[in-house]
C-alpha atoms as a PDB file:
ATOM      1  CA  LEU A   1      60.001  78.015  -9.224  1.00  0.00           C
ATOM      2  CA  VAL A   2      56.595  80.310  -8.829  1.00  0.00           C
ATOM      3  CA  VAL A   3      55.153  80.421 -12.580  1.00  0.00           C
ATOM      4  CA  ASP A   4      52.771  83.706 -13.588  1.00  0.00           C
ATOM      5  CA  MET A   5      49.479  81.793 -15.115  1.00  0.00           C
ATOM      6  CA  THR A   6      47.398  85.093 -16.066  1.00  0.00           C
ATOM      7  CA  GLY A   7      48.323  85.849 -19.449  1.00  0.00           C
ATOM      8  CA  LEU A   8      47.867  81.540 -20.042  1.00  0.00           C
ATOM      9  CA  GLU A   9      44.348  81.458 -22.218  1.00  0.00           C
ATOM     10  CA  TYR A  10      44.303  77.637 -22.339  1.00  0.00           C
ATOM     11  CA  LEU A  11      46.624  74.899 -21.715  1.00  0.00           C
ATOM     12  CA  SER A  12      46.671  71.316 -23.753  1.00  0.00           C
ATOM     13  CA  SER A  13      48.139  68.274 -23.075  1.00  0.00           C
ATOM     14  CA  ALA A  14      51.245  68.844 -24.267  1.00  0.00           C
ATOM     15  CA  GLY A  15      51.430  72.006 -22.426  1.00  0.00           C
ATOM     16  CA  LEU A  16      50.460  69.994 -18.905  1.00  0.00           C
ATOM     17  CA  ARG A  17      53.076  67.264 -19.991  1.00  0.00           C
ATOM     18  CA  SER A  18      55.597  69.861 -19.769  1.00  0.00           C
ATOM     19  CA  VAL A  19      54.430  71.147 -16.630  1.00  0.00           C
ATOM     20  CA  MET A  20      54.677  67.746 -15.548  1.00  0.00           C
ATOM     21  CA  VAL A  21      58.055  67.515 -16.362  1.00  0.00           C
ATOM     22  CA  VAL A  22      59.441  70.378 -15.047  1.00  0.00           C
ATOM     23  CA  ALA A  23      57.916  69.500 -11.873  1.00  0.00           C
ATOM     24  CA  LYS A  24      59.546  66.144 -11.665  1.00  0.00           C
ATOM     25  CA  ARG A  25      62.700  67.743 -12.220  1.00  0.00           C
ATOM     26  CA  MET A  26      62.004  70.241  -9.469  1.00  0.00           C
ATOM     27  CA  LYS A  27      61.639  67.184  -7.499  1.00  0.00           C
ATOM     28  CA  ALA A  28      64.909  65.835  -8.380  1.00  0.00           C
ATOM     29  CA  ARG A  29      66.445  68.993  -6.793  1.00  0.00           C
ATOM     30  CA  SER A  30      64.322  69.342  -3.523  1.00  0.00           C
ATOM     31  CA  GLY A  31      62.312  72.549  -5.376  1.00  0.00           C
ATOM     32  CA  THR A  32      59.038  73.758  -5.317  1.00  0.00           C
ATOM     33  CA  LEU A  33      56.471  74.688  -8.377  1.00  0.00           C
ATOM     34  CA  ARG A  34      53.937  76.874  -7.413  1.00  0.00           C
ATOM     35  CA  PHE A  35      51.170  78.453  -9.980  1.00  0.00           C
ATOM     36  CA  PHE A  36      49.139  81.735  -9.820  1.00  0.00           C
ATOM     37  CA  GLY A  37      47.101  83.661 -11.783  1.00  0.00           C
ATOM     38  CA  LEU A  38      44.902  80.702 -13.525  1.00  0.00           C
ATOM     39  CA  ASN A  39      41.695  81.757 -15.040  1.00  0.00           C
ATOM     40  CA  PRO A  40      38.560  79.226 -14.336  1.00  0.00           C
ATOM     41  CA  LEU A  41      39.169  77.500 -17.823  1.00  0.00           C
ATOM     42  CA  VAL A  42      42.732  76.554 -17.092  1.00  0.00           C
ATOM     43  CA  ARG A  43      42.137  76.170 -13.588  1.00  0.00           C
ATOM     44  CA  GLU A  44      39.326  73.883 -14.508  1.00  0.00           C
ATOM     45  CA  ILE A  45      41.869  71.740 -16.769  1.00  0.00           C
ATOM     46  CA  PHE A  46      44.150  71.501 -13.419  1.00  0.00           C
ATOM     47  CA  GLU A  47      41.337  70.430 -12.019  1.00  0.00           C
ATOM     48  CA  CYS A  48      40.265  67.483 -14.198  1.00  0.00           C
ATOM     49  CA  ALA A  49      43.988  66.796 -15.034  1.00  0.00           C
ATOM     50  CA  GLY A  50      44.525  66.031 -10.856  1.00  0.00           C
ATOM     51  CA  LEU A  51      46.826  68.591 -10.458  1.00  0.00           C
ATOM     52  CA  LEU A  52      45.213  70.349  -8.041  1.00  0.00           C
ATOM     53  CA  GLY A  53      45.631  68.604  -5.528  1.00  0.00           C
ATOM     54  CA  ILE A  54      49.567  67.883  -6.720  1.00  0.00           C
ATOM     55  CA  PHE A  55      50.302  71.217  -7.114  1.00  0.00           C
ATOM     56  CA  SER A  56      50.433  74.824  -4.894  1.00  0.00           C
ATOM     57  CA  VAL A  57      47.615  76.803  -6.761  1.00  0.00           C
ATOM     58  CA  PHE A  58      47.580  80.663  -5.568  1.00  0.00           C
ATOM     59  CA  LYS A  59      45.163  83.606  -6.568  1.00  0.00           C
ATOM     60  CA  SER A  60      48.455  86.609  -7.124  1.00  0.00           C
ATOM     61  CA  GLU A  61      52.342  86.697  -6.802  1.00  0.00           C
ATOM     62  CA  ALA A  62      52.200  87.778  -3.223  1.00  0.00           C
ATOM     63  CA  ASP A  63      50.304  84.824  -2.030  1.00  0.00           C
ATOM     64  CA  ALA A  64      52.744  82.492  -4.040  1.00  0.00           C
ATOM     65  CA  LEU A  65      56.030  83.585  -2.913  1.00  0.00           C
ATOM     66  CA  ALA A  66      54.319  83.889   0.889  1.00  0.00           C
ATOM     67  CA  ALA A  67      53.759  80.324   0.935  1.00  0.00           C
ATOM     68  CA  SER A  68      56.711  78.122   2.515  1.00  0.00           C
END
């Protein structure tokens, strides 16, 4: 699943929880979760929450889709 975050201005703790729930469900189905288009604030939130080490984050949709 590739998630476009370009329109997202902020991510709350509830949003982070939702991301984690989806990631857990994807993993249970042998799927992957990829993000692209994080603005600097959302990227910082991902970093502070330790999610950059867990999730694949890309600059563009093409990069996210090309990743294997």
